[in-house]
Amino acid sequence: MSPCSKAVPSHGSFFADTGLLDPASDDPDALCSHLERISGRFRRRTADRSRYSPGKRFWLAAAAAGVDIEDDRAVATYVKQFNARLDAE
């Protein structure tokens, strides 16, 4: 399945239907066609952890540690533990 087979058409339609799509934007179908052409590279790069932002790395580490990211107290506890590890380094 292409990376945009569902997301781009639905988002494109939403933006077009609500008037939020910039008139100078490419057609959502053109974007989808482009993403289909580069899907292999797209998948490899989005799976490459070295390309992840610090924020994404933090939340992935929290999830891997079993933190319920919907629980503010659990997140706050994890942040304290995470920061303590950084201070110890």
N, C-alpha and C. Protein backbone atom coordinates (compact mmCIF):
# COMPACT_ATOMS: atom_id res chain seq x y z
N MET A 1 0.85 -1.18 0.00
CA MET A 1 0.00 0.00 0.00
C MET A 1 0.90 1.24 0.00
N SER A 2 0.55 2.20 -0.76
CA SER A 2 1.36 3.41 -0.86
C SER A 2 1.24 4.23 0.42
N PRO A 3 2.26 5.06 0.71
CA PRO A 3 2.20 5.85 1.93
C PRO A 3 1.08 6.87 1.95
N CYS A 4 0.49 7.13 0.80
CA CYS A 4 -0.55 8.17 0.78
C CYS A 4 -1.89 7.65 0.31
N SER A 5 -2.02 6.35 0.13
CA SER A 5 -3.22 5.84 -0.50
C SER A 5 -4.51 6.27 0.18
N LYS A 6 -4.48 6.49 1.49
CA LYS A 6 -5.68 6.94 2.18
C LYS A 6 -5.53 8.36 2.72
N ALA A 7 -4.38 8.68 3.26
CA ALA A 7 -4.20 9.96 3.96
C ALA A 7 -4.26 11.17 3.04
N VAL A 8 -3.51 11.16 1.95
CA VAL A 8 -3.44 12.34 1.11
C VAL A 8 -4.79 12.66 0.46
N PRO A 9 -5.46 11.69 -0.14
CA PRO A 9 -6.76 12.05 -0.73
C PRO A 9 -7.74 12.59 0.30
N SER A 10 -7.80 11.99 1.49
CA SER A 10 -8.78 12.47 2.48
C SER A 10 -8.39 13.84 3.02
N HIS A 11 -7.09 14.05 3.29
CA HIS A 11 -6.65 15.36 3.76
C HIS A 11 -6.80 16.41 2.66
N GLY A 12 -6.43 16.04 1.46
CA GLY A 12 -6.56 16.96 0.33
C GLY A 12 -7.99 17.38 0.12
N SER A 13 -8.89 16.41 0.18
CA SER A 13 -10.31 16.72 0.03
C SER A 13 -10.80 17.62 1.14
N PHE A 14 -10.36 17.33 2.38
CA PHE A 14 -10.76 18.16 3.51
C PHE A 14 -10.32 19.60 3.30
N PHE A 15 -9.05 19.79 2.97
CA PHE A 15 -8.54 21.16 2.77
C PHE A 15 -9.24 21.85 1.61
N ALA A 16 -9.48 21.13 0.53
CA ALA A 16 -10.15 21.72 -0.62
C ALA A 16 -11.60 22.08 -0.26
N ASP A 17 -12.29 21.16 0.41
CA ASP A 17 -13.70 21.37 0.75
C ASP A 17 -13.90 22.51 1.75
N THR A 18 -12.92 22.73 2.61
CA THR A 18 -13.05 23.78 3.63
C THR A 18 -12.46 25.10 3.19
N GLY A 19 -11.89 25.13 1.99
CA GLY A 19 -11.28 26.35 1.49
C GLY A 19 -9.90 26.62 2.07
N LEU A 20 -9.32 25.63 2.74
CA LEU A 20 -8.01 25.80 3.36
C LEU A 20 -6.85 25.41 2.43
N LEU A 21 -7.16 24.82 1.30
CA LEU A 21 -6.11 24.44 0.35
C LEU A 21 -5.66 25.69 -0.40
N ASP A 22 -4.40 25.98 -0.30
CA ASP A 22 -3.85 27.15 -0.98
C ASP A 22 -4.11 27.00 -2.49
N PRO A 23 -4.65 28.03 -3.12
CA PRO A 23 -4.92 27.95 -4.55
C PRO A 23 -3.66 27.65 -5.38
N ALA A 24 -2.49 28.00 -4.85
CA ALA A 24 -1.24 27.74 -5.58
C ALA A 24 -0.71 26.33 -5.33
N SER A 25 -1.39 25.55 -4.48
CA SER A 25 -0.95 24.19 -4.17
C SER A 25 -1.15 23.26 -5.35
N ASP A 26 -0.31 22.24 -5.38
CA ASP A 26 -0.54 21.18 -6.35
C ASP A 26 -1.82 20.43 -5.98
N ASP A 27 -2.40 19.83 -6.94
CA ASP A 27 -3.57 19.00 -6.73
C ASP A 27 -3.19 17.83 -5.82
N PRO A 28 -4.03 17.45 -4.86
CA PRO A 28 -3.72 16.30 -3.99
C PRO A 28 -3.41 15.02 -4.78
N ASP A 29 -4.05 14.84 -5.92
CA ASP A 29 -3.76 13.66 -6.74
C ASP A 29 -2.33 13.69 -7.27
N ALA A 30 -1.83 14.88 -7.59
CA ALA A 30 -0.44 15.01 -8.06
C ALA A 30 0.52 14.66 -6.93
N LEU A 31 0.21 15.11 -5.72
CA LEU A 31 1.04 14.78 -4.57
C LEU A 31 1.06 13.27 -4.34
N CYS A 32 -0.10 12.66 -4.41
CA CYS A 32 -0.20 11.22 -4.22
C CYS A 32 0.61 10.48 -5.29
N SER A 33 0.53 10.92 -6.52
CA SER A 33 1.30 10.29 -7.60
C SER A 33 2.80 10.41 -7.32
N HIS A 34 3.23 11.58 -6.88
CA HIS A 34 4.63 11.78 -6.56
C HIS A 34 5.07 10.86 -5.42
N LEU A 35 4.27 10.78 -4.37
CA LEU A 35 4.62 9.91 -3.24
C LEU A 35 4.65 8.44 -3.65
N GLU A 36 3.79 8.06 -4.55
CA GLU A 36 3.82 6.67 -5.04
C GLU A 36 5.12 6.39 -5.78
N ARG A 37 5.62 7.37 -6.55
CA ARG A 37 6.88 7.19 -7.28
C ARG A 37 8.07 7.07 -6.33
N ILE A 38 8.03 7.77 -5.21
CA ILE A 38 9.17 7.75 -4.29
C ILE A 38 8.89 6.90 -3.05
N SER A 39 7.90 6.04 -3.09
CA SER A 39 7.47 5.31 -1.89
C SER A 39 8.59 4.50 -1.23
N GLY A 40 9.46 3.87 -2.01
CA GLY A 40 10.55 3.10 -1.42
C GLY A 40 11.47 3.97 -0.60
N ARG A 41 11.89 5.07 -1.17
CA ARG A 41 12.77 6.02 -0.47
C ARG A 41 12.04 6.64 0.72
N PHE A 42 10.77 6.98 0.54
CA PHE A 42 9.96 7.55 1.60
C PHE A 42 9.92 6.62 2.81
N ARG A 43 9.63 5.34 2.55
CA ARG A 43 9.55 4.36 3.64
C ARG A 43 10.90 4.18 4.34
N ARG A 44 11.97 4.08 3.57
CA ARG A 44 13.31 3.91 4.17
C ARG A 44 13.66 5.10 5.05
N ARG A 45 13.41 6.28 4.55
CA ARG A 45 13.80 7.47 5.31
C ARG A 45 12.92 7.69 6.54
N THR A 46 11.65 7.38 6.45
CA THR A 46 10.80 7.57 7.62
C THR A 46 11.06 6.50 8.67
N ALA A 47 11.67 5.39 8.29
CA ALA A 47 12.02 4.34 9.25
C ALA A 47 13.42 4.51 9.82
N ASP A 48 14.19 5.44 9.30
CA ASP A 48 15.57 5.66 9.73
C ASP A 48 15.58 6.50 11.00
N ARG A 49 15.86 5.85 12.13
CA ARG A 49 15.81 6.54 13.42
C ARG A 49 16.81 7.68 13.53
N SER A 50 17.88 7.65 12.76
CA SER A 50 18.85 8.75 12.82
C SER A 50 18.25 10.06 12.29
N ARG A 51 17.14 9.98 11.58
CA ARG A 51 16.48 11.17 11.04
C ARG A 51 15.41 11.72 11.99
N TYR A 52 15.14 11.00 13.09
CA TYR A 52 14.09 11.42 14.01
C TYR A 52 14.52 12.65 14.80
N SER A 53 13.57 13.51 15.07
CA SER A 53 13.83 14.69 15.89
C SER A 53 14.03 14.26 17.35
N PRO A 54 14.65 15.12 18.15
CA PRO A 54 14.79 14.79 19.57
C PRO A 54 13.43 14.52 20.24
N GLY A 55 12.44 15.29 19.86
CA GLY A 55 11.11 15.07 20.43
C GLY A 55 10.54 13.71 20.10
N LYS A 56 10.67 13.31 18.85
CA LYS A 56 10.15 12.00 18.45
C LYS A 56 10.92 10.89 19.16
N ARG A 57 12.23 11.06 19.29
CA ARG A 57 13.04 10.07 20.00
C ARG A 57 12.59 9.96 21.46
N PHE A 58 12.34 11.11 22.08
CA PHE A 58 11.89 11.11 23.48
C PHE A 58 10.59 10.33 23.63
N TRP A 59 9.59 10.65 22.79
CA TRP A 59 8.29 9.99 22.93
C TRP A 59 8.35 8.51 22.58
N LEU A 60 9.19 8.14 21.63
CA LEU A 60 9.36 6.72 21.33
C LEU A 60 10.01 6.00 22.51
N ALA A 61 10.99 6.63 23.16
CA ALA A 61 11.62 6.03 24.34
C ALA A 61 10.61 5.90 25.48
N ALA A 62 9.78 6.92 25.65
CA ALA A 62 8.76 6.87 26.70
C ALA A 62 7.78 5.72 26.42
N ALA A 63 7.34 5.60 25.21
CA ALA A 63 6.41 4.52 24.85
C ALA A 63 7.07 3.16 25.06
N ALA A 64 8.35 3.04 24.67
CA ALA A 64 9.07 1.77 24.84
C ALA A 64 9.23 1.43 26.32
N ALA A 65 9.28 2.45 27.18
CA ALA A 65 9.40 2.23 28.62
C ALA A 65 8.05 1.94 29.26
N GLY A 66 7.00 1.96 28.45
CA GLY A 66 5.67 1.63 28.95
C GLY A 66 4.90 2.81 29.51
N VAL A 67 5.36 4.03 29.23
CA VAL A 67 4.69 5.22 29.74
C VAL A 67 3.39 5.45 28.96
N ASP A 68 2.31 5.65 29.68
CA ASP A 68 1.03 5.99 29.06
C ASP A 68 1.08 7.48 28.74
N ILE A 69 1.26 7.82 27.48
CA ILE A 69 1.44 9.23 27.12
C ILE A 69 0.17 10.07 27.32
N GLU A 70 -0.93 9.43 27.63
CA GLU A 70 -2.17 10.15 27.94
C GLU A 70 -2.25 10.48 29.43
N ASP A 71 -1.35 9.91 30.23
CA ASP A 71 -1.35 10.10 31.68
C ASP A 71 -0.29 11.15 32.04
N ASP A 72 -0.75 12.36 32.37
CA ASP A 72 0.16 13.47 32.66
C ASP A 72 1.13 13.15 33.79
N ARG A 73 0.66 12.48 34.82
CA ARG A 73 1.54 12.14 35.95
C ARG A 73 2.62 11.15 35.52
N ALA A 74 2.23 10.17 34.74
CA ALA A 74 3.21 9.18 34.27
C ALA A 74 4.26 9.84 33.39
N VAL A 75 3.82 10.77 32.55
CA VAL A 75 4.75 11.49 31.68
C VAL A 75 5.69 12.35 32.53
N ALA A 76 5.15 13.06 33.52
CA ALA A 76 5.97 13.91 34.39
C ALA A 76 7.01 13.07 35.13
N THR A 77 6.61 11.91 35.60
CA THR A 77 7.55 11.01 36.29
C THR A 77 8.64 10.56 35.33
N TYR A 78 8.25 10.21 34.14
CA TYR A 78 9.24 9.77 33.15
C TYR A 78 10.20 10.91 32.80
N VAL A 79 9.69 12.12 32.66
CA VAL A 79 10.55 13.27 32.34
C VAL A 79 11.59 13.45 33.45
N LYS A 80 11.17 13.35 34.71
CA LYS A 80 12.11 13.49 35.83
C LYS A 80 13.19 12.40 35.77
N GLN A 81 12.77 11.16 35.51
CA GLN A 81 13.72 10.05 35.41
C GLN A 81 14.65 10.24 34.22
N PHE A 82 14.10 10.68 33.12
CA PHE A 82 14.89 10.91 31.91
C PHE A 82 15.93 12.00 32.15
N ASN A 83 15.51 13.09 32.76
CA ASN A 83 16.43 14.20 33.05
C ASN A 83 17.50 13.78 34.05
N ALA A 84 17.12 12.96 35.03
CA ALA A 84 18.10 12.49 36.01
C ALA A 84 19.19 11.66 35.33
N ARG A 85 18.81 10.87 34.33
CA ARG A 85 19.79 10.09 33.58
C ARG A 85 20.74 11.00 32.83
N LEU A 86 20.19 12.07 32.25
CA LEU A 86 21.03 13.02 31.51
C LEU A 86 21.99 13.72 32.46
N ASP A 87 21.51 14.07 33.66
CA ASP A 87 22.37 14.73 34.63
C ASP A 87 23.50 13.81 35.10
N ALA A 88 23.22 12.51 35.15
CA ALA A 88 24.22 11.54 35.60
C ALA A 88 25.29 11.28 34.54
N GLU A 89 25.00 11.58 33.31
CA GLU A 89 25.97 11.31 32.22
C GLU A 89 27.10 12.28 32.18
